[in-house]
C-alpha atoms as a PDB file:
ATOM      1  CA  MET A   1      -5.853   1.144  -8.012  1.00  0.00           C
ATOM      2  CA  ALA A   2      -4.678   0.410  -4.499  1.00  0.00           C
ATOM      3  CA  VAL A   3      -2.771  -2.244  -2.615  1.00  0.00           C
ATOM      4  CA  LEU A   4      -5.171  -3.589  -0.009  1.00  0.00           C
ATOM      5  CA  PRO A   5      -4.148  -4.829   3.462  1.00  0.00           C
ATOM      6  CA  ILE A   6      -3.898  -8.630   3.615  1.00  0.00           C
ATOM      7  CA  LEU A   7      -5.506 -10.447   6.524  1.00  0.00           C
ATOM      8  CA  THR A   8      -3.168 -12.893   8.226  1.00  0.00           C
ATOM      9  CA  TYR A   9      -3.723 -16.006  10.304  1.00  0.00           C
ATOM     10  CA  PRO A  10      -5.338 -16.230  12.875  1.00  0.00           C
ATOM     11  CA  ASP A  11      -7.715 -13.411  11.794  1.00  0.00           C
ATOM     12  CA  GLU A  12     -11.241 -14.838  12.163  1.00  0.00           C
ATOM     13  CA  ARG A  13     -12.414 -13.154   8.947  1.00  0.00           C
ATOM     14  CA  LEU A  14     -10.333 -15.737   7.030  1.00  0.00           C
ATOM     15  CA  LYS A  15     -12.679 -18.449   8.361  1.00  0.00           C
ATOM     16  CA  ARG A  16     -15.851 -16.976   6.817  1.00  0.00           C
ATOM     17  CA  PHE A  17     -17.714 -18.612   3.938  1.00  0.00           C
ATOM     18  CA  SER A  18     -17.866 -16.287   0.912  1.00  0.00           C
ATOM     19  CA  GLU A  19     -21.040 -15.266  -0.883  1.00  0.00           C
ATOM     20  CA  PRO A  20     -21.530 -15.548  -4.655  1.00  0.00           C
ATOM     21  CA  VAL A  21     -21.003 -12.474  -6.804  1.00  0.00           C
ATOM     22  CA  GLU A  22     -24.291 -11.323  -8.287  1.00  0.00           C
ATOM     23  CA  ARG A  23     -23.447  -7.861  -9.678  1.00  0.00           C
ATOM     24  CA  PHE A  24     -20.947  -7.531 -12.498  1.00  0.00           C
ATOM     25  CA  ASP A  25     -20.435  -3.788 -12.570  1.00  0.00           C
ATOM     26  CA  ALA A  26     -17.836  -1.004 -12.406  1.00  0.00           C
ATOM     27  CA  GLU A  27     -17.435  -1.436  -8.637  1.00  0.00           C
ATOM     28  CA  LEU A  28     -16.540  -5.112  -9.136  1.00  0.00           C
ATOM     29  CA  ALA A  29     -14.061  -4.206 -11.883  1.00  0.00           C
ATOM     30  CA  ALA A  30     -12.407  -1.638  -9.583  1.00  0.00           C
ATOM     31  CA  PHE A  31     -12.151  -4.179  -6.772  1.00  0.00           C
ATOM     32  CA  ILE A  32     -10.604  -6.760  -9.116  1.00  0.00           C
ATOM     33  CA  ALA A  33      -7.997  -4.171 -10.187  1.00  0.00           C
ATOM     34  CA  ASP A  34      -7.160  -3.488  -6.519  1.00  0.00           C
ATOM     35  CA  LEU A  35      -7.010  -7.220  -5.782  1.00  0.00           C
ATOM     36  CA  GLU A  36      -4.564  -7.720  -8.665  1.00  0.00           C
ATOM     37  CA  GLN A  37      -2.383  -4.819  -7.458  1.00  0.00           C
ATOM     38  CA  THR A  38      -2.361  -6.461  -4.028  1.00  0.00           C
ATOM     39  CA  ARG A  39      -1.339  -9.831  -5.524  1.00  0.00           C
ATOM     40  CA  LEU A  40       1.472  -8.220  -7.504  1.00  0.00           C
ATOM     41  CA  ALA A  41       2.730  -6.445  -4.375  1.00  0.00           C
ATOM     42  CA  GLY A  42       2.930  -9.740  -2.505  1.00  0.00           C
ATOM     43  CA  PRO A  43       6.227 -11.576  -2.681  1.00  0.00           C
ATOM     44  CA  GLY A  44       5.967 -14.532  -5.043  1.00  0.00           C
ATOM     45  CA  ALA A  45       2.162 -14.495  -5.115  1.00  0.00           C
ATOM     46  CA  VAL A  46       0.643 -16.529  -7.959  1.00  0.00           C
ATOM     47  CA  GLY A  47      -2.863 -16.155  -6.587  1.00  0.00           C
ATOM     48  CA  ILE A  48      -5.100 -14.240  -4.246  1.00  0.00           C
ATOM     49  CA  ALA A  49      -8.705 -14.528  -3.092  1.00  0.00           C
ATOM     50  CA  ALA A  50     -11.111 -11.767  -2.071  1.00  0.00           C
ATOM     51  CA  PRO A  51     -11.443 -13.053   1.530  1.00  0.00           C
ATOM     52  CA  GLN A  52      -7.718 -12.434   2.047  1.00  0.00           C
ATOM     53  CA  VAL A  53      -8.432  -8.704   1.884  1.00  0.00           C
ATOM     54  CA  GLY A  54     -11.606  -8.913   3.972  1.00  0.00           C
ATOM     55  CA  ARG A  55     -14.196  -9.186   1.189  1.00  0.00           C
ATOM     56  CA  ALA A  56     -16.325 -12.314   1.626  1.00  0.00           C
ATOM     57  CA  GLN A  57     -17.139 -12.830  -2.047  1.00  0.00           C
ATOM     58  CA  ARG A  58     -16.278 -15.728  -4.374  1.00  0.00           C
ATOM     59  CA  ILE A  59     -13.500 -14.060  -6.396  1.00  0.00           C
ATOM     60  CA  VAL A  60     -10.000 -15.413  -7.045  1.00  0.00           C
ATOM     61  CA  ILE A  61      -7.114 -14.382  -9.256  1.00  0.00           C
ATOM     62  CA  VAL A  62      -4.521 -16.917 -10.411  1.00  0.00           C
ATOM     63  CA  ASP A  63      -1.559 -16.441 -12.752  1.00  0.00           C
ATOM     64  CA  VAL A  64       1.180 -19.075 -12.863  1.00  0.00           C
ATOM     65  CA  SER A  65       2.435 -17.964 -16.299  1.00  0.00           C
ATOM     66  CA  LYS A  66       5.469 -16.144 -14.922  1.00  0.00           C
ATOM     67  CA  MET A  67       6.984 -19.000 -12.938  1.00  0.00           C
ATOM     68  CA  LYS A  68      10.767 -19.424 -13.170  1.00  0.00           C
ATOM     69  CA  ARG A  69      10.161 -22.940 -14.478  1.00  0.00           C
ATOM     70  CA  PRO A  70       7.284 -22.779 -16.968  1.00  0.00           C
ATOM     71  CA  VAL A  71       4.226 -24.906 -16.179  1.00  0.00           C
ATOM     72  CA  PRO A  72       1.119 -25.644 -18.290  1.00  0.00           C
ATOM     73  CA  ASN A  73      -1.309 -22.787 -17.701  1.00  0.00           C
ATOM     74  CA  HIS A  74      -4.091 -20.580 -19.004  1.00  0.00           C
ATOM     75  CA  GLY A  75      -2.356 -17.279 -18.176  1.00  0.00           C
ATOM     76  CA  TYR A  76      -3.910 -14.570 -16.046  1.00  0.00           C
ATOM     77  CA  LEU A  77      -7.318 -15.670 -14.736  1.00  0.00           C
ATOM     78  CA  VAL A  78      -9.994 -13.844 -12.786  1.00  0.00           C
ATOM     79  CA  LEU A  79     -12.405 -16.519 -11.605  1.00  0.00           C
ATOM     80  CA  ILE A  80     -15.734 -15.470 -10.152  1.00  0.00           C
ATOM     81  CA  ASN A  81     -18.025 -17.979  -8.455  1.00  0.00           C
ATOM     82  CA  PRO A  82     -15.629 -20.817  -9.382  1.00  0.00           C
ATOM     83  CA  GLU A  83     -16.667 -24.426  -9.020  1.00  0.00           C
ATOM     84  CA  ILE A  84     -14.652 -27.594  -9.559  1.00  0.00           C
ATOM     85  CA  THR A  85     -16.922 -29.952 -11.484  1.00  0.00           C
ATOM     86  CA  HIS A  86     -14.463 -32.844 -11.852  1.00  0.00           C
ATOM     87  CA  TRP A  87     -11.141 -33.820 -10.341  1.00  0.00           C
ATOM     88  CA  GLU A  88      -8.634 -36.642 -10.823  1.00  0.00           C
ATOM     89  CA  GLY A  89      -5.596 -37.954  -9.018  1.00  0.00           C
ATOM     90  CA  HIS A  90      -3.917 -36.577  -5.954  1.00  0.00           C
ATOM     91  CA  GLU A  91      -0.415 -35.484  -5.090  1.00  0.00           C
ATOM     92  CA  PRO A  92       1.310 -33.833  -2.140  1.00  0.00           C
ATOM     93  CA  GLY A  93       3.020 -30.506  -2.691  1.00  0.00           C
ATOM     94  CA  ARG A  94       4.459 -27.576  -0.746  1.00  0.00           C
ATOM     95  CA  GLU A  95       2.272 -24.487  -0.486  1.00  0.00           C
ATOM     96  CA  GLY A  96       2.661 -21.008   0.893  1.00  0.00           C
ATOM     97  CA  CYS A  97       0.140 -18.231   1.398  1.00  0.00           C
ATOM     98  CA  LEU A  98       0.067 -14.452   1.709  1.00  0.00           C
ATOM     99  CA  SER A  99      -2.199 -14.908   4.741  1.00  0.00           C
ATOM    100  CA  VAL A 100       0.282 -17.280   6.429  1.00  0.00           C
ATOM    101  CA  PRO A 101       3.500 -15.411   5.580  1.00  0.00           C
ATOM    102  CA  ASP A 102       5.916 -17.195   7.918  1.00  0.00           C
ATOM    103  CA  PHE A 103       5.140 -20.823   7.052  1.00  0.00           C
ATOM    104  CA  THR A 104       4.722 -23.293   4.198  1.00  0.00           C
ATOM    105  CA  GLY A 105       3.128 -26.711   4.335  1.00  0.00           C
ATOM    106  CA  ASN A 106       2.669 -30.006   2.522  1.00  0.00           C
ATOM    107  CA  VAL A 107      -0.873 -30.367   1.189  1.00  0.00           C
ATOM    108  CA  ILE A 108      -2.490 -33.119  -0.894  1.00  0.00           C
ATOM    109  CA  ARG A 109      -4.437 -31.755  -3.878  1.00  0.00           C
ATOM    110  CA  ALA A 110      -6.069 -33.107  -7.034  1.00  0.00           C
ATOM    111  CA  THR A 111      -3.618 -33.259  -9.950  1.00  0.00           C
ATOM    112  CA  ARG A 112      -6.226 -32.462 -12.639  1.00  0.00           C
ATOM    113  CA  ILE A 113      -9.444 -30.487 -12.371  1.00  0.00           C
ATOM    114  CA  HIS A 114     -12.251 -29.220 -14.583  1.00  0.00           C
ATOM    115  CA  LEU A 115     -13.308 -25.758 -13.487  1.00  0.00           C
ATOM    116  CA  LYS A 116     -16.420 -23.745 -14.265  1.00  0.00           C
ATOM    117  CA  ALA A 117     -16.568 -20.060 -13.316  1.00  0.00           C
ATOM    118  CA  GLN A 118     -17.617 -16.629 -14.516  1.00  0.00           C
ATOM    119  CA  ASN A 119     -15.322 -13.952 -15.888  1.00  0.00           C
ATOM    120  CA  PRO A 120     -15.524 -10.288 -14.772  1.00  0.00           C
ATOM    121  CA  GLN A 121     -18.254  -9.667 -17.356  1.00  0.00           C
ATOM    122  CA  GLY A 122     -20.387 -12.474 -15.895  1.00  0.00           C
ATOM    123  CA  GLU A 123     -19.858 -14.875 -18.813  1.00  0.00           C
ATOM    124  CA  THR A 124     -19.393 -18.576 -18.078  1.00  0.00           C
ATOM    125  CA  VAL A 125     -15.889 -19.926 -18.679  1.00  0.00           C
ATOM    126  CA  GLU A 126     -14.529 -23.457 -18.298  1.00  0.00           C
ATOM    127  CA  PHE A 127     -10.988 -24.790 -18.022  1.00  0.00           C
ATOM    128  CA  ASP A 128      -9.205 -28.109 -17.757  1.00  0.00           C
ATOM    129  CA  MET A 129      -6.204 -27.605 -15.472  1.00  0.00           C
ATOM    130  CA  GLU A 130      -3.353 -29.746 -14.270  1.00  0.00           C
ATOM    131  CA  GLY A 131      -0.280 -29.635 -12.085  1.00  0.00           C
ATOM    132  CA  PHE A 132       0.718 -26.415 -10.376  1.00  0.00           C
ATOM    133  CA  GLU A 133      -2.063 -24.339 -11.946  1.00  0.00           C
ATOM    134  CA  ALA A 134      -4.677 -26.803 -10.647  1.00  0.00           C
ATOM    135  CA  ARG A 135      -3.010 -26.692  -7.205  1.00  0.00           C
ATOM    136  CA  ALA A 136      -2.986 -22.881  -7.151  1.00  0.00           C
ATOM    137  CA  VAL A 137      -6.669 -22.680  -8.089  1.00  0.00           C
ATOM    138  CA  GLN A 138      -7.632 -25.234  -5.414  1.00  0.00           C
ATOM    139  CA  HIS A 139      -5.597 -23.296  -2.827  1.00  0.00           C
ATOM    140  CA  GLU A 140      -7.311 -20.003  -3.686  1.00  0.00           C
ATOM    141  CA  MET A 141     -10.759 -21.601  -3.815  1.00  0.00           C
ATOM    142  CA  ASP A 142     -10.229 -22.911  -0.274  1.00  0.00           C
ATOM    143  CA  HIS A 143     -10.165 -19.279   0.899  1.00  0.00           C
ATOM    144  CA  LEU A 144     -13.720 -18.906  -0.433  1.00  0.00           C
ATOM    145  CA  ASP A 145     -14.836 -21.612   2.001  1.00  0.00           C
ATOM    146  CA  GLY A 146     -12.920 -20.249   4.981  1.00  0.00           C
ATOM    147  CA  LEU A 147     -10.020 -22.697   4.710  1.00  0.00           C
ATOM    148  CA  LEU A 148      -6.255 -22.139   4.808  1.00  0.00           C
ATOM    149  CA  PHE A 149      -3.589 -24.625   3.753  1.00  0.00           C
ATOM    150  CA  LEU A 150      -3.009 -25.131   7.501  1.00  0.00           C
ATOM    151  CA  ASP A 151      -6.458 -26.771   7.611  1.00  0.00           C
ATOM    152  CA  ARG A 152      -5.401 -29.282   4.933  1.00  0.00           C
ATOM    153  CA  VAL A 153      -1.997 -30.468   6.197  1.00  0.00           C
ATOM    154  CA  VAL A 154      -1.968 -33.984   7.592  1.00  0.00           C
ATOM    155  CA  SER A 155       0.066 -32.953  10.636  1.00  0.00           C
ATOM    156  CA  ARG A 156       0.994 -29.469  11.789  1.00  0.00           C
ATOM    157  CA  ARG A 157       3.960 -31.061  13.558  1.00  0.00           C
ATOM    158  CA  THR A 158       5.518 -32.763  10.508  1.00  0.00           C
ATOM    159  CA  ASP A 159       4.018 -30.958   7.467  1.00  0.00           C
ATOM    160  CA  VAL A 160       4.377 -27.253   8.372  1.00  0.00           C
ATOM    161  CA  PHE A 161       7.718 -25.488   7.921  1.00  0.00           C
ATOM    162  CA  ARG A 162       9.049 -22.068   8.859  1.00  0.00           C
ATOM    163  CA  ARG A 163       9.633 -20.082   5.671  1.00  0.00           C
ATOM    164  CA  LYS A 164      13.316 -19.334   5.072  1.00  0.00           C
ATOM    165  CA  VAL A 165      13.041 -16.748   2.270  1.00  0.00           C
ATOM    166  CA  TYR A 166      10.077 -15.255   0.484  1.00  0.00           C
ATOM    167  CA  GLU A 167      11.126 -15.049  -3.177  1.00  0.00           C
ATOM    168  CA  LYS A 168       9.450 -13.028  -5.927  1.00  0.00           C
ATOM    169  CA  ASN A 169       8.554 -14.941  -9.105  1.00  0.00           C
ATOM    170  CA  SER A 170       9.303 -12.156 -11.567  1.00  0.00           C
END
């Protein structure tokens, strides 16, 4: 397993649309292990997407189970070819990103989602998510479509903030 270099804004590779995963094999499993090592090495990272390390495939990892303040969650998730099939509500919230290390921003996201994806073995999985876990998944899925939280803020002048400290969640 290896910690992979993280692409940072304004790297153009972060703007690419990701392709679906079609092969569920040992190479994919090895990449997922490297992606998880990279997430764990990042300060305070609850999620990571394949495009953040230069791989334009529809793969995200999310784990909000170790937050200082517990939130409803499904634990450690590897989501391949994820798709939100239903969403409800909306709420602003502060977000940060490994690919935008010096800033955070206020972003409006759905408060509840229904998600369909594949696991690393290619099996279909579905989840109902809410709150911070739903926000984290939406944030990571944006990377798959070439979007950063900076693309979702209402105003870069009033909704983007210089990061003071990057804290680890563990």
